[in-house]
Amino acid sequence: MRIRYVSDRKDEIANFNREENLRPFPPNEPGYSTLYGLRQDAETINSIIEARLRRHCGRARTWTKERELFDLICFGIFNNIYAEMAFDHRVAEEQKKRLEEHERLRVGRPLQLAA
């Protein structure tokens, strides 16, 4: 049995969101758990894009699809840079703590010279 996964005019009239209610992979399929997790990530990313890029009455800031693609690419680059900076900051903090601990342990010990 084949069922369409995309809505059509009849679905819109009936106020039925086919994409939300039908799943191409049912829960008993082997790949369901992997795909279901990816869907949650995709929904999160979509909601962030909607919140940040589509503030103007629910519409994109740009007029053409090429410019909207440029917005999305810039958004992706920004998110990657932000994630890298957060990672670098976390690593720097961990290194600073390790260095402080090393200095704390080193102070008070006499310098050991190799024979």
N, C-alpha and C. Protein backbone atom coordinates (compact mmCIF):
# COMPACT_ATOMS: atom_id res chain seq x y z
N MET A 1 0.84 -1.18 0.00
CA MET A 1 0.00 0.00 0.00
C MET A 1 0.89 1.25 0.00
N ARG A 2 0.59 2.18 -0.86
CA ARG A 2 1.35 3.42 -0.94
C ARG A 2 0.47 4.59 -0.50
N ILE A 3 1.08 5.44 0.30
CA ILE A 3 0.38 6.64 0.78
C ILE A 3 1.28 7.84 0.54
N ARG A 4 0.69 8.91 0.07
CA ARG A 4 1.42 10.16 -0.12
C ARG A 4 1.89 10.70 1.23
N TYR A 5 3.10 11.29 1.25
CA TYR A 5 3.61 11.88 2.49
C TYR A 5 3.52 13.39 2.50
N VAL A 6 3.12 13.98 1.40
CA VAL A 6 3.02 15.44 1.32
C VAL A 6 1.56 15.84 1.20
N SER A 7 1.22 16.97 1.78
CA SER A 7 -0.15 17.47 1.77
C SER A 7 -0.54 17.98 0.39
N ASP A 8 -1.82 17.94 0.11
CA ASP A 8 -2.33 18.53 -1.12
C ASP A 8 -3.47 19.48 -0.75
N ARG A 9 -4.19 19.95 -1.73
CA ARG A 9 -5.26 20.93 -1.50
C ARG A 9 -6.36 20.37 -0.61
N LYS A 10 -6.72 19.10 -0.80
CA LYS A 10 -7.76 18.47 0.04
C LYS A 10 -7.34 18.44 1.50
N ASP A 11 -6.07 18.16 1.76
CA ASP A 11 -5.57 18.15 3.14
C ASP A 11 -5.64 19.54 3.75
N GLU A 12 -5.30 20.55 2.97
CA GLU A 12 -5.35 21.92 3.47
C GLU A 12 -6.77 22.32 3.83
N ILE A 13 -7.72 21.94 2.99
CA ILE A 13 -9.13 22.25 3.26
C ILE A 13 -9.59 21.54 4.53
N ALA A 14 -9.16 20.28 4.71
CA ALA A 14 -9.54 19.51 5.89
C ALA A 14 -8.69 19.86 7.11
N ASN A 15 -7.73 20.81 6.95
CA ASN A 15 -6.84 21.21 8.03
C ASN A 15 -6.06 20.01 8.59
N PHE A 16 -5.57 19.19 7.67
CA PHE A 16 -4.82 17.98 8.02
C PHE A 16 -3.36 18.15 7.58
N ASN A 17 -2.45 18.06 8.51
CA ASN A 17 -1.02 18.18 8.20
C ASN A 17 -0.46 16.78 8.02
N ARG A 18 -0.43 16.34 6.78
CA ARG A 18 -0.01 14.97 6.45
C ARG A 18 1.44 14.72 6.87
N GLU A 19 2.32 15.70 6.65
CA GLU A 19 3.73 15.51 6.97
C GLU A 19 3.96 15.30 8.46
N GLU A 20 3.12 15.91 9.28
CA GLU A 20 3.28 15.78 10.73
C GLU A 20 2.70 14.47 11.26
N ASN A 21 1.67 13.97 10.61
CA ASN A 21 0.95 12.81 11.14
C ASN A 21 1.34 11.47 10.54
N LEU A 22 1.96 11.49 9.38
CA LEU A 22 2.39 10.24 8.75
C LEU A 22 3.91 10.14 8.78
N ARG A 23 4.40 8.97 9.09
CA ARG A 23 5.84 8.76 9.13
C ARG A 23 6.24 7.71 8.11
N PRO A 24 7.26 8.01 7.28
CA PRO A 24 7.68 7.05 6.26
C PRO A 24 8.25 5.77 6.88
N PHE A 25 8.80 5.89 8.08
CA PHE A 25 9.36 4.72 8.77
C PHE A 25 8.58 4.51 10.06
N PRO A 26 7.80 3.44 10.16
CA PRO A 26 7.07 3.19 11.40
C PRO A 26 8.02 2.78 12.53
N PRO A 27 7.59 2.89 13.78
CA PRO A 27 8.46 2.58 14.92
C PRO A 27 9.06 1.18 14.92
N ASN A 28 8.45 0.21 14.26
CA ASN A 28 9.00 -1.15 14.29
C ASN A 28 10.07 -1.38 13.22
N GLU A 29 10.36 -0.37 12.38
CA GLU A 29 11.40 -0.50 11.36
C GLU A 29 12.78 -0.41 12.01
N PRO A 30 13.79 -1.09 11.44
CA PRO A 30 15.13 -1.08 12.05
C PRO A 30 15.78 0.31 12.14
N GLY A 31 15.59 1.16 11.17
CA GLY A 31 16.24 2.47 11.18
C GLY A 31 15.46 3.56 11.87
N TYR A 32 14.32 3.22 12.46
CA TYR A 32 13.44 4.24 13.05
C TYR A 32 14.13 5.03 14.16
N SER A 33 14.81 4.35 15.08
CA SER A 33 15.40 5.05 16.23
C SER A 33 16.46 6.05 15.78
N THR A 34 17.24 5.69 14.78
CA THR A 34 18.26 6.62 14.26
C THR A 34 17.60 7.82 13.60
N LEU A 35 16.64 7.56 12.74
CA LEU A 35 15.98 8.65 12.02
C LEU A 35 15.14 9.53 12.93
N TYR A 36 14.52 8.94 13.93
CA TYR A 36 13.68 9.72 14.83
C TYR A 36 14.53 10.74 15.59
N GLY A 37 15.72 10.34 16.02
CA GLY A 37 16.61 11.27 16.70
C GLY A 37 17.05 12.40 15.79
N LEU A 38 17.31 12.10 14.53
CA LEU A 38 17.70 13.14 13.57
C LEU A 38 16.56 14.12 13.33
N ARG A 39 15.35 13.62 13.36
CA ARG A 39 14.21 14.51 13.14
C ARG A 39 14.14 15.57 14.23
N GLN A 40 14.39 15.18 15.48
CA GLN A 40 14.35 16.14 16.57
C GLN A 40 15.41 17.23 16.38
N ASP A 41 16.61 16.84 15.94
CA ASP A 41 17.66 17.82 15.68
C ASP A 41 17.24 18.76 14.55
N ALA A 42 16.67 18.21 13.50
CA ALA A 42 16.24 19.03 12.37
C ALA A 42 15.14 20.01 12.79
N GLU A 43 14.21 19.56 13.61
CA GLU A 43 13.14 20.44 14.09
C GLU A 43 13.72 21.57 14.93
N THR A 44 14.72 21.27 15.75
CA THR A 44 15.35 22.31 16.56
C THR A 44 16.03 23.34 15.68
N ILE A 45 16.77 22.87 14.69
CA ILE A 45 17.46 23.80 13.79
C ILE A 45 16.45 24.65 13.03
N ASN A 46 15.37 24.03 12.56
CA ASN A 46 14.34 24.79 11.84
C ASN A 46 13.71 25.85 12.72
N SER A 47 13.45 25.53 13.99
CA SER A 47 12.83 26.52 14.87
C SER A 47 13.80 27.67 15.16
N ILE A 48 15.10 27.38 15.26
CA ILE A 48 16.09 28.45 15.45
C ILE A 48 16.14 29.35 14.22
N ILE A 49 16.13 28.75 13.05
CA ILE A 49 16.14 29.54 11.81
C ILE A 49 14.88 30.41 11.74
N GLU A 50 13.75 29.84 12.04
CA GLU A 50 12.49 30.60 12.02
C GLU A 50 12.57 31.78 12.99
N ALA A 51 13.10 31.54 14.19
CA ALA A 51 13.15 32.59 15.20
C ALA A 51 14.13 33.70 14.83
N ARG A 52 15.25 33.35 14.21
CA ARG A 52 16.29 34.35 13.97
C ARG A 52 16.25 34.98 12.58
N LEU A 53 15.90 34.21 11.58
CA LEU A 53 15.95 34.74 10.22
C LEU A 53 14.60 35.22 9.70
N ARG A 54 13.54 34.79 10.31
CA ARG A 54 12.21 35.13 9.77
C ARG A 54 11.41 35.95 10.78
N ARG A 55 11.99 37.00 11.26
CA ARG A 55 11.32 37.84 12.25
C ARG A 55 10.31 38.79 11.63
N HIS A 56 10.44 39.06 10.36
CA HIS A 56 9.61 40.06 9.71
C HIS A 56 8.29 39.45 9.24
N CYS A 57 7.31 39.43 10.10
CA CYS A 57 5.97 38.94 9.78
C CYS A 57 6.00 37.51 9.25
N GLY A 58 6.89 36.69 9.76
CA GLY A 58 6.96 35.30 9.33
C GLY A 58 7.56 35.10 7.95
N ARG A 59 8.18 36.13 7.42
CA ARG A 59 8.77 36.04 6.08
C ARG A 59 10.28 36.18 6.16
N ALA A 60 10.93 35.70 5.14
CA ALA A 60 12.38 35.81 5.08
C ALA A 60 12.78 37.28 4.93
N ARG A 61 13.99 37.61 5.32
CA ARG A 61 14.48 38.99 5.21
C ARG A 61 14.81 39.37 3.77
N THR A 62 15.00 38.39 2.94
CA THR A 62 15.43 38.65 1.57
C THR A 62 14.30 38.34 0.58
N TRP A 63 14.46 38.84 -0.65
CA TRP A 63 13.39 38.73 -1.62
C TRP A 63 13.54 37.56 -2.58
N THR A 64 14.71 37.10 -2.85
CA THR A 64 14.88 36.02 -3.82
C THR A 64 15.41 34.77 -3.13
N LYS A 65 15.22 33.63 -3.78
CA LYS A 65 15.69 32.39 -3.15
C LYS A 65 17.21 32.34 -3.09
N GLU A 66 17.91 32.99 -4.03
CA GLU A 66 19.37 33.04 -3.98
C GLU A 66 19.84 33.80 -2.76
N ARG A 67 19.18 34.91 -2.46
CA ARG A 67 19.56 35.70 -1.28
C ARG A 67 19.17 34.98 0.01
N GLU A 68 18.06 34.27 -0.02
CA GLU A 68 17.68 33.51 1.16
C GLU A 68 18.69 32.38 1.41
N LEU A 69 19.16 31.75 0.34
CA LEU A 69 20.19 30.73 0.47
C LEU A 69 21.46 31.34 1.06
N PHE A 70 21.80 32.55 0.62
CA PHE A 70 22.96 33.25 1.18
C PHE A 70 22.76 33.49 2.68
N ASP A 71 21.55 33.90 3.09
CA ASP A 71 21.25 34.07 4.52
C ASP A 71 21.46 32.78 5.28
N LEU A 72 20.98 31.67 4.73
CA LEU A 72 21.11 30.38 5.41
C LEU A 72 22.57 29.96 5.52
N ILE A 73 23.34 30.19 4.46
CA ILE A 73 24.77 29.85 4.50
C ILE A 73 25.48 30.70 5.56
N CYS A 74 25.19 31.99 5.59
CA CYS A 74 25.79 32.86 6.61
C CYS A 74 25.37 32.42 8.01
N PHE A 75 24.12 32.05 8.17
CA PHE A 75 23.63 31.56 9.46
C PHE A 75 24.41 30.31 9.89
N GLY A 76 24.63 29.39 8.95
CA GLY A 76 25.39 28.18 9.25
C GLY A 76 26.83 28.49 9.63
N ILE A 77 27.45 29.41 8.89
CA ILE A 77 28.83 29.80 9.19
C ILE A 77 28.89 30.43 10.58
N PHE A 78 27.96 31.32 10.88
CA PHE A 78 27.93 31.96 12.20
C PHE A 78 27.80 30.91 13.30
N ASN A 79 26.88 29.97 13.13
CA ASN A 79 26.70 28.94 14.16
C ASN A 79 27.95 28.09 14.33
N ASN A 80 28.65 27.77 13.24
CA ASN A 80 29.90 27.01 13.34
C ASN A 80 30.97 27.79 14.08
N ILE A 81 31.10 29.08 13.77
CA ILE A 81 32.09 29.91 14.44
C ILE A 81 31.76 30.02 15.93
N TYR A 82 30.49 30.22 16.23
CA TYR A 82 30.06 30.34 17.63
C TYR A 82 30.35 29.05 18.39
N ALA A 83 30.08 27.90 17.78
CA ALA A 83 30.34 26.62 18.43
C ALA A 83 31.84 26.42 18.64
N GLU A 84 32.64 26.80 17.65
CA GLU A 84 34.10 26.68 17.78
C GLU A 84 34.64 27.58 18.89
N MET A 85 34.11 28.79 18.97
CA MET A 85 34.55 29.70 20.03
C MET A 85 34.17 29.16 21.41
N ALA A 86 32.96 28.62 21.53
CA ALA A 86 32.53 28.04 22.81
C ALA A 86 33.42 26.86 23.19
N PHE A 87 33.77 26.03 22.22
CA PHE A 87 34.65 24.89 22.47
C PHE A 87 36.03 25.38 22.90
N ASP A 88 36.60 26.35 22.17
CA ASP A 88 37.91 26.89 22.52
C ASP A 88 37.91 27.48 23.92
N HIS A 89 36.84 28.18 24.27
CA HIS A 89 36.73 28.77 25.60
C HIS A 89 36.72 27.68 26.67
N ARG A 90 35.96 26.63 26.42
CA ARG A 90 35.88 25.53 27.40
C ARG A 90 37.24 24.85 27.55
N VAL A 91 37.93 24.60 26.44
CA VAL A 91 39.24 23.97 26.49
C VAL A 91 40.23 24.87 27.22
N ALA A 92 40.18 26.18 26.94
CA ALA A 92 41.10 27.12 27.60
C ALA A 92 40.86 27.14 29.10
N GLU A 93 39.60 27.09 29.52
CA GLU A 93 39.28 27.06 30.95
C GLU A 93 39.82 25.79 31.60
N GLU A 94 39.67 24.65 30.92
CA GLU A 94 40.18 23.39 31.46
C GLU A 94 41.70 23.42 31.56
N GLN A 95 42.37 23.98 30.55
CA GLN A 95 43.83 24.06 30.58
C GLN A 95 44.30 25.00 31.69
N LYS A 96 43.58 26.08 31.88
CA LYS A 96 43.92 27.02 32.95
C LYS A 96 43.81 26.34 34.31
N LYS A 97 42.75 25.58 34.52
CA LYS A 97 42.58 24.87 35.79
C LYS A 97 43.69 23.85 36.00
N ARG A 98 44.05 23.12 34.94
CA ARG A 98 45.14 22.14 35.06
C ARG A 98 46.46 22.81 35.37
N LEU A 99 46.74 23.95 34.73
CA LEU A 99 47.98 24.68 34.98
C LEU A 99 48.02 25.21 36.41
N GLU A 100 46.90 25.74 36.89
CA GLU A 100 46.84 26.22 38.27
C GLU A 100 47.07 25.08 39.26
N GLU A 101 46.48 23.93 38.98
CA GLU A 101 46.67 22.77 39.86
C GLU A 101 48.12 22.31 39.83
N HIS A 102 48.71 22.32 38.65
CA HIS A 102 50.11 21.94 38.53
C HIS A 102 51.00 22.90 39.31
N GLU A 103 50.76 24.20 39.18
CA GLU A 103 51.55 25.20 39.90
C GLU A 103 51.35 25.05 41.41
N ARG A 104 50.12 24.78 41.83
CA ARG A 104 49.83 24.61 43.26
C ARG A 104 50.60 23.42 43.82
N LEU A 105 50.66 22.34 43.08
CA LEU A 105 51.38 21.15 43.54
C LEU A 105 52.89 21.34 43.47
N ARG A 106 53.36 22.14 42.52
CA ARG A 106 54.79 22.33 42.34
C ARG A 106 55.39 23.24 43.41
N VAL A 107 54.62 24.23 43.85
CA VAL A 107 55.12 25.16 44.87
C VAL A 107 55.36 24.40 46.17
N GLY A 108 56.49 24.64 46.79
CA GLY A 108 56.81 23.99 48.04
C GLY A 108 57.69 22.77 47.87
N ARG A 109 57.79 22.26 46.66
CA ARG A 109 58.69 21.14 46.41
C ARG A 109 60.06 21.67 46.02
N PRO A 110 61.09 21.07 46.53
CA PRO A 110 62.43 21.49 46.09
C PRO A 110 62.67 21.02 44.66
N LEU A 111 63.42 21.80 43.94
CA LEU A 111 63.75 21.48 42.56
C LEU A 111 64.61 20.23 42.52
N GLN A 112 64.20 19.22 41.78
CA GLN A 112 64.92 17.97 41.66
C GLN A 112 65.78 18.02 40.39
N LEU A 113 67.07 17.89 40.58
CA LEU A 113 67.97 17.87 39.42
C LEU A 113 68.31 16.43 39.10
N ALA A 114 68.34 16.13 37.83
CA ALA A 114 68.69 14.77 37.41
C ALA A 114 70.20 14.57 37.58
N ALA A 115 70.58 13.38 38.02
CA ALA A 115 72.00 13.11 38.25
C ALA A 115 72.70 12.64 37.01
